[in-house]
C-alpha atoms as a PDB file:
ATOM      1  CA  MET A   1      72.800  98.292 -26.768  1.00  0.00           C
ATOM      2  CA  TYR A   2      71.521  95.986 -24.161  1.00  0.00           C
ATOM      3  CA  THR A   3      68.783  93.614 -25.003  1.00  0.00           C
ATOM      4  CA  LEU A   4      66.156  92.769 -22.429  1.00  0.00           C
ATOM      5  CA  ARG A   5      67.619  89.302 -21.953  1.00  0.00           C
ATOM      6  CA  THR A   6      71.117  90.675 -21.330  1.00  0.00           C
ATOM      7  CA  TYR A   7      69.794  93.279 -18.910  1.00  0.00           C
ATOM      8  CA  LEU A   8      67.787  90.709 -16.926  1.00  0.00           C
ATOM      9  CA  SER A   9      70.715  88.303 -16.861  1.00  0.00           C
ATOM     10  CA  GLN A  10      73.030  90.959 -15.439  1.00  0.00           C
ATOM     11  CA  PHE A  11      70.357  92.111 -12.975  1.00  0.00           C
ATOM     12  CA  LEU A  12      69.895  88.598 -11.575  1.00  0.00           C
ATOM     13  CA  LYS A  13      73.654  88.040 -11.237  1.00  0.00           C
ATOM     14  CA  ASP A  14      74.249  91.367  -9.473  1.00  0.00           C
ATOM     15  CA  GLU A  15      74.603  90.921  -5.691  1.00  0.00           C
ATOM     16  CA  GLN A  16      75.687  94.455  -4.889  1.00  0.00           C
ATOM     17  CA  GLY A  17      72.737  95.425  -2.661  1.00  0.00           C
ATOM     18  CA  GLN A  18      72.368  92.055  -0.942  1.00  0.00           C
ATOM     19  CA  ASP A  19      74.407  93.018   2.138  1.00  0.00           C
ATOM     20  CA  LEU A  20      72.384  96.177   2.650  1.00  0.00           C
ATOM     21  CA  ILE A  21      69.127  94.228   2.664  1.00  0.00           C
ATOM     22  CA  GLU A  22      70.505  91.641   5.090  1.00  0.00           C
ATOM     23  CA  TYR A  23      71.748  94.312   7.512  1.00  0.00           C
ATOM     24  CA  THR A  24      68.421  96.136   7.260  1.00  0.00           C
ATOM     25  CA  LEU A  25      66.496  92.974   8.111  1.00  0.00           C
ATOM     26  CA  LEU A  26      68.837  92.271  11.019  1.00  0.00           C
ATOM     27  CA  MET A  27      68.404  95.807  12.331  1.00  0.00           C
ATOM     28  CA  ALA A  28      64.612  95.518  12.064  1.00  0.00           C
ATOM     29  CA  PHE A  29      64.678  92.242  14.012  1.00  0.00           C
ATOM     30  CA  ILE A  30      66.799  93.800  16.758  1.00  0.00           C
ATOM     31  CA  ALA A  31      64.471  96.814  16.939  1.00  0.00           C
ATOM     32  CA  LEU A  32      61.401  94.583  17.286  1.00  0.00           C
ATOM     33  CA  ALA A  33      63.061  92.456  19.953  1.00  0.00           C
ATOM     34  CA  SER A  34      64.144  95.563  21.880  1.00  0.00           C
ATOM     35  CA  ALA A  35      60.657  97.049  21.684  1.00  0.00           C
ATOM     36  CA  SER A  36      59.070  93.881  23.025  1.00  0.00           C
ATOM     37  CA  ILE A  37      61.553  93.771  25.912  1.00  0.00           C
ATOM     38  CA  PHE A  38      60.907  97.420  26.803  1.00  0.00           C
ATOM     39  CA  ILE A  39      57.138  96.948  26.660  1.00  0.00           C
ATOM     40  CA  SER A  40      57.228  93.867  28.879  1.00  0.00           C
ATOM     41  CA  THR A  41      59.515  95.480  31.466  1.00  0.00           C
ATOM     42  CA  GLY A  42      57.537  98.729  31.550  1.00  0.00           C
ATOM     43  CA  GLY A  43      55.024  97.288  34.023  1.00  0.00           C
ATOM     44  CA  SER A  44      57.777  96.016  36.300  1.00  0.00           C
ATOM     45  CA  ILE A  45      59.483  99.389  36.368  1.00  0.00           C
ATOM     46  CA  ALA A  46      56.177 101.097  37.152  1.00  0.00           C
ATOM     47  CA  ASN A  47      55.655  98.711  40.096  1.00  0.00           C
ATOM     48  CA  ILE A  48      59.157  99.356  41.420  1.00  0.00           C
ATOM     49  CA  TRP A  49      58.680 103.125  41.100  1.00  0.00           C
ATOM     50  CA  GLY A  50      55.318 102.915  42.889  1.00  0.00           C
ATOM     51  CA  THR A  51      56.783 100.881  45.747  1.00  0.00           C
ATOM     52  CA  ALA A  52      59.668 103.312  46.158  1.00  0.00           C
ATOM     53  CA  ASN A  53      57.267 106.253  46.087  1.00  0.00           C
ATOM     54  CA  THR A  54      55.041 104.682  48.739  1.00  0.00           C
ATOM     55  CA  SER A  55      58.028 103.927  50.969  1.00  0.00           C
ATOM     56  CA  LEU A  56      59.309 107.489  50.689  1.00  0.00           C
ATOM     57  CA  SER A  57      55.849 108.895  51.409  1.00  0.00           C
ATOM     58  CA  ASN A  58      55.512 106.691  54.508  1.00  0.00           C
ATOM     59  CA  ALA A  59      58.959 107.753  55.677  1.00  0.00           C
ATOM     60  CA  ALA A  60      58.082 111.427  55.194  1.00  0.00           C
ATOM     61  CA  VAL A  61      54.867 110.983  57.223  1.00  0.00           C
ATOM     62  CA  SER A  62      56.731 109.148  59.991  1.00  0.00           C
ATOM     63  CA  ALA A  63      59.409 111.827  60.133  1.00  0.00           C
ATOM     64  CA  SER A  64      56.882 114.669  60.577  1.00  0.00           C
END
């Protein structure tokens, strides 16, 4: 039978799930960085789309 001291000692020495936690933290950091990049570029893309839409509308009016 395991005593509480033996169980705690083995629990503290066990590093089996350490890699999983590190990869999870790394993935969370990458997701947050990607989200911030997408949010900041969203306005720029909207401006580009608006400019292209205006140019196409002006061209359609000129062609008529």
